[in-house]
PDB file of N, CA and C in Angstrom:
ATOM      1  N   UNK A   1       0.165   2.893 -18.816  1.00  0.00           N
ATOM      2  CA  UNK A   1       0.251   1.603 -18.156  1.00  0.00           C
ATOM      3  C   UNK A   1       0.247   1.691 -16.686  1.00  0.00           C
ATOM      4  N   UNK A   2       0.160   2.960 -16.184  1.00  0.00           N
ATOM      5  CA  UNK A   2       0.263   3.145 -14.685  1.00  0.00           C
ATOM      6  C   UNK A   2      -1.154   3.071 -14.222  1.00  0.00           C
ATOM      7  N   UNK A   3      -1.369   2.370 -13.053  1.00  0.00           N
ATOM      8  CA  UNK A   3      -2.542   2.292 -12.411  1.00  0.00           C
ATOM      9  C   UNK A   3      -2.570   2.703 -10.970  1.00  0.00           C
ATOM     10  N   UNK A   4      -3.725   3.269 -10.440  1.00  0.00           N
ATOM     11  CA  UNK A   4      -3.787   3.734  -9.107  1.00  0.00           C
ATOM     12  C   UNK A   4      -4.101   2.559  -8.179  1.00  0.00           C
ATOM     13  N   UNK A   5      -3.330   2.410  -7.099  1.00  0.00           N
ATOM     14  CA  UNK A   5      -3.573   1.225  -6.224  1.00  0.00           C
ATOM     15  C   UNK A   5      -3.850   1.796  -4.760  1.00  0.00           C
ATOM     16  N   UNK A   6      -4.325   0.975  -3.943  1.00  0.00           N
ATOM     17  CA  UNK A   6      -4.520   1.384  -2.531  1.00  0.00           C
ATOM     18  C   UNK A   6      -3.747   0.599  -1.640  1.00  0.00           C
ATOM     19  N   UNK A   7      -3.109   1.279  -0.699  1.00  0.00           N
ATOM     20  CA  UNK A   7      -2.343   0.519   0.351  1.00  0.00           C
ATOM     21  C   UNK A   7      -3.010   0.440   1.516  1.00  0.00           C
ATOM     22  N   UNK A   8      -3.032  -0.861   2.205  1.00  0.00           N
ATOM     23  CA  UNK A   8      -3.708  -1.086   3.357  1.00  0.00           C
ATOM     24  C   UNK A   8      -2.644  -1.614   4.412  1.00  0.00           C
ATOM     25  N   UNK A   9      -2.830  -1.193   5.779  1.00  0.00           N
ATOM     26  CA  UNK A   9      -2.048  -1.651   6.796  1.00  0.00           C
ATOM     27  C   UNK A   9      -2.030  -3.010   6.992  1.00  0.00           C
ATOM     28  N   UNK A  10      -0.951  -3.758   7.306  1.00  0.00           N
ATOM     29  CA  UNK A  10      -1.010  -5.085   7.403  1.00  0.00           C
ATOM     30  C   UNK A  10      -1.393  -5.509   8.867  1.00  0.00           C
ATOM     31  N   UNK A  11      -1.434  -4.614   9.921  1.00  0.00           N
ATOM     32  CA  UNK A  11      -1.829  -4.937  11.191  1.00  0.00           C
ATOM     33  C   UNK A  11      -3.241  -4.725  11.414  1.00  0.00           C
ATOM     34  N   UNK A  12      -3.779  -3.518  11.136  1.00  0.00           N
ATOM     35  CA  UNK A  12      -5.191  -3.204  11.301  1.00  0.00           C
ATOM     36  C   UNK A  12      -6.143  -3.317  10.242  1.00  0.00           C
ATOM     37  N   UNK A  13      -5.503  -3.467   8.948  1.00  0.00           N
ATOM     38  CA  UNK A  13      -6.261  -3.596   7.725  1.00  0.00           C
ATOM     39  C   UNK A  13      -6.984  -2.362   7.271  1.00  0.00           C
ATOM     40  N   UNK A  14      -6.630  -1.192   7.836  1.00  0.00           N
ATOM     41  CA  UNK A  14      -7.236   0.129   7.271  1.00  0.00           C
ATOM     42  C   UNK A  14      -6.508   0.561   6.002  1.00  0.00           C
ATOM     43  N   UNK A  15      -7.413   1.113   5.089  1.00  0.00           N
ATOM     44  CA  UNK A  15      -6.820   1.486   3.835  1.00  0.00           C
ATOM     45  C   UNK A  15      -6.417   3.013   4.017  1.00  0.00           C
ATOM     46  N   UNK A  16      -5.098   3.253   3.991  1.00  0.00           N
ATOM     47  CA  UNK A  16      -4.664   4.558   4.380  1.00  0.00           C
ATOM     48  C   UNK A  16      -4.166   5.358   3.218  1.00  0.00           C
ATOM     49  N   UNK A  17      -3.481   4.828   2.234  1.00  0.00           N
ATOM     50  CA  UNK A  17      -2.847   5.440   1.183  1.00  0.00           C
ATOM     51  C   UNK A  17      -3.188   5.070  -0.175  1.00  0.00           C
ATOM     52  N   UNK A  18      -3.216   5.960  -1.174  1.00  0.00           N
ATOM     53  CA  UNK A  18      -3.235   5.687  -2.610  1.00  0.00           C
ATOM     54  C   UNK A  18      -2.026   6.084  -3.264  1.00  0.00           C
ATOM     55  N   UNK A  19      -1.664   5.340  -4.183  1.00  0.00           N
ATOM     56  CA  UNK A  19      -0.356   5.663  -5.037  1.00  0.00           C
ATOM     57  C   UNK A  19      -0.550   5.029  -6.415  1.00  0.00           C
ATOM     58  N   UNK A  20       0.414   5.252  -7.309  1.00  0.00           N
ATOM     59  CA  UNK A  20       0.404   4.552  -8.577  1.00  0.00           C
ATOM     60  C   UNK A  20       1.547   3.840  -8.756  1.00  0.00           C
ATOM     61  N   UNK A  21       1.403   2.814  -9.691  1.00  0.00           N
ATOM     62  CA  UNK A  21       2.564   1.903 -10.048  1.00  0.00           C
ATOM     63  C   UNK A  21       2.400   1.603 -11.492  1.00  0.00           C
ATOM     64  N   UNK A  22       3.663   1.292 -12.090  1.00  0.00           N
ATOM     65  CA  UNK A  22       3.682   0.801 -13.450  1.00  0.00           C
ATOM     66  C   UNK A  22       3.692  -0.733 -13.409  1.00  0.00           C
ATOM     67  N   UNK A  23       2.522  -1.236 -14.018  1.00  0.00           N
ATOM     68  CA  UNK A  23       2.300  -2.600 -14.095  1.00  0.00           C
ATOM     69  C   UNK A  23       3.187  -3.390 -14.864  1.00  0.00           C
ATOM     70  N   UNK A  24       3.875  -2.661 -15.836  1.00  0.00           N
ATOM     71  CA  UNK A  24       4.850  -3.293 -16.751  1.00  0.00           C
ATOM     72  C   UNK A  24       6.086  -3.747 -16.072  1.00  0.00           C
ATOM     73  N   UNK A  25       6.592  -2.877 -15.192  1.00  0.00           N
ATOM     74  CA  UNK A  25       7.804  -3.176 -14.376  1.00  0.00           C
ATOM     75  C   UNK A  25       7.580  -3.835 -13.056  1.00  0.00           C
ATOM     76  N   UNK A  26       6.344  -3.581 -12.374  1.00  0.00           N
ATOM     77  CA  UNK A  26       6.039  -4.158 -11.054  1.00  0.00           C
ATOM     78  C   UNK A  26       4.649  -4.988 -11.213  1.00  0.00           C
ATOM     79  N   UNK A  27       4.797  -6.175 -11.610  1.00  0.00           N
ATOM     80  CA  UNK A  27       3.540  -6.953 -11.923  1.00  0.00           C
ATOM     81  C   UNK A  27       2.948  -7.487 -10.541  1.00  0.00           C
ATOM     82  N   UNK A  28       3.766  -7.767  -9.645  1.00  0.00           N
ATOM     83  CA  UNK A  28       3.377  -8.230  -8.329  1.00  0.00           C
ATOM     84  C   UNK A  28       2.836  -7.239  -7.380  1.00  0.00           C
ATOM     85  N   UNK A  29       2.342  -7.633  -6.271  1.00  0.00           N
ATOM     86  CA  UNK A  29       1.841  -6.605  -5.277  1.00  0.00           C
ATOM     87  C   UNK A  29       3.081  -6.040  -4.626  1.00  0.00           C
ATOM     88  N   UNK A  30       2.906  -4.732  -4.305  1.00  0.00           N
ATOM     89  CA  UNK A  30       4.052  -4.075  -3.745  1.00  0.00           C
ATOM     90  C   UNK A  30       3.702  -3.850  -2.220  1.00  0.00           C
ATOM     91  N   UNK A  31       4.764  -3.693  -1.517  1.00  0.00           N
ATOM     92  CA  UNK A  31       4.642  -3.508   0.066  1.00  0.00           C
ATOM     93  C   UNK A  31       5.699  -2.396   0.389  1.00  0.00           C
ATOM     94  N   UNK A  32       5.008  -1.351   1.029  1.00  0.00           N
ATOM     95  CA  UNK A  32       5.941  -0.202   1.431  1.00  0.00           C
ATOM     96  C   UNK A  32       5.679   0.066   3.038  1.00  0.00           C
ATOM     97  N   UNK A  33       6.783   0.501   3.610  1.00  0.00           N
ATOM     98  CA  UNK A  33       6.725   0.851   5.008  1.00  0.00           C
ATOM     99  C   UNK A  33       6.273   2.244   5.219  1.00  0.00           C
ATOM    100  N   UNK A  34       4.918   2.470   5.640  1.00  0.00           N
ATOM    101  CA  UNK A  34       4.434   3.840   5.780  1.00  0.00           C
ATOM    102  C   UNK A  34       3.839   3.912   7.200  1.00  0.00           C
ATOM    103  N   UNK A  35       3.527   5.137   7.643  1.00  0.00           N
ATOM    104  CA  UNK A  35       3.014   5.531   8.866  1.00  0.00           C
ATOM    105  C   UNK A  35       1.469   5.191   9.013  1.00  0.00           C
ATOM    106  N   UNK A  36       1.006   4.490   9.974  1.00  0.00           N
ATOM    107  CA  UNK A  36      -0.504   4.198  10.062  1.00  0.00           C
ATOM    108  C   UNK A  36      -0.946   5.114  11.259  1.00  0.00           C
ATOM    109  N   UNK A  37      -1.874   6.022  10.942  1.00  0.00           N
ATOM    110  CA  UNK A  37      -2.415   6.904  12.045  1.00  0.00           C
ATOM    111  C   UNK A  37      -3.281   6.132  12.987  1.00  0.00           C
ATOM    112  N   UNK A  38      -3.801   5.009  12.609  1.00  0.00           N
ATOM    113  CA  UNK A  38      -4.670   4.282  13.530  1.00  0.00           C
ATOM    114  C   UNK A  38      -3.845   3.370  14.405  1.00  0.00           C
ATOM    115  N   UNK A  39      -2.671   2.893  14.080  1.00  0.00           N
ATOM    116  CA  UNK A  39      -1.839   2.077  14.885  1.00  0.00           C
ATOM    117  C   UNK A  39      -0.879   2.946  15.590  1.00  0.00           C
ATOM    118  N   UNK A  40      -0.529   4.195  15.059  1.00  0.00           N
ATOM    119  CA  UNK A  40       0.373   5.170  15.442  1.00  0.00           C
ATOM    120  C   UNK A  40       1.889   4.611  15.496  1.00  0.00           C
ATOM    121  N   UNK A  41       2.065   3.975  14.307  1.00  0.00           N
ATOM    122  CA  UNK A  41       3.406   3.495  14.070  1.00  0.00           C
ATOM    123  C   UNK A  41       3.771   3.322  12.699  1.00  0.00           C
ATOM    124  N   UNK A  42       5.046   3.109  12.279  1.00  0.00           N
ATOM    125  CA  UNK A  42       5.496   2.771  10.984  1.00  0.00           C
ATOM    126  C   UNK A  42       5.347   1.265  10.652  1.00  0.00           C
ATOM    127  N   UNK A  43       4.445   0.936   9.789  1.00  0.00           N
ATOM    128  CA  UNK A  43       4.244  -0.529   9.559  1.00  0.00           C
ATOM    129  C   UNK A  43       4.102  -0.811   8.143  1.00  0.00           C
ATOM    130  N   UNK A  44       4.373  -2.080   7.585  1.00  0.00           N
ATOM    131  CA  UNK A  44       4.288  -2.358   6.199  1.00  0.00           C
ATOM    132  C   UNK A  44       2.795  -2.267   5.639  1.00  0.00           C
ATOM    133  N   UNK A  45       2.632  -1.555   4.530  1.00  0.00           N
ATOM    134  CA  UNK A  45       1.397  -1.407   3.869  1.00  0.00           C
ATOM    135  C   UNK A  45       1.441  -2.276   2.543  1.00  0.00           C
ATOM    136  N   UNK A  46       0.444  -3.087   2.406  1.00  0.00           N
ATOM    137  CA  UNK A  46       0.319  -3.889   1.092  1.00  0.00           C
ATOM    138  C   UNK A  46      -0.714  -3.363   0.233  1.00  0.00           C
ATOM    139  N   UNK A  47      -0.391  -3.598  -1.054  1.00  0.00           N
ATOM    140  CA  UNK A  47      -1.409  -3.318  -2.164  1.00  0.00           C
ATOM    141  C   UNK A  47      -2.669  -4.140  -1.974  1.00  0.00           C
ATOM    142  N   UNK A  48      -3.710  -3.551  -2.082  1.00  0.00           N
ATOM    143  CA  UNK A  48      -5.142  -4.173  -2.193  1.00  0.00           C
ATOM    144  C   UNK A  48      -5.683  -4.300  -3.529  1.00  0.00           C
ATOM    145  N   UNK A  49      -6.582  -5.141  -3.734  1.00  0.00           N
ATOM    146  CA  UNK A  49      -7.297  -5.207  -4.938  1.00  0.00           C
ATOM    147  C   UNK A  49      -8.484  -4.424  -5.017  1.00  0.00           C
TER     148      UNK A  49
END
């Protein structure tokens, strides 16, 4: 039930990270604070479709 998702920066919209999540326990989109090398800062990254 785990799927691979892509995380995109909320400020510059660059897709920087890939990770996996369990759709059974986290059905909504996740948001993690990660480092964006394009913005050179720690910013929230949201799951993209």
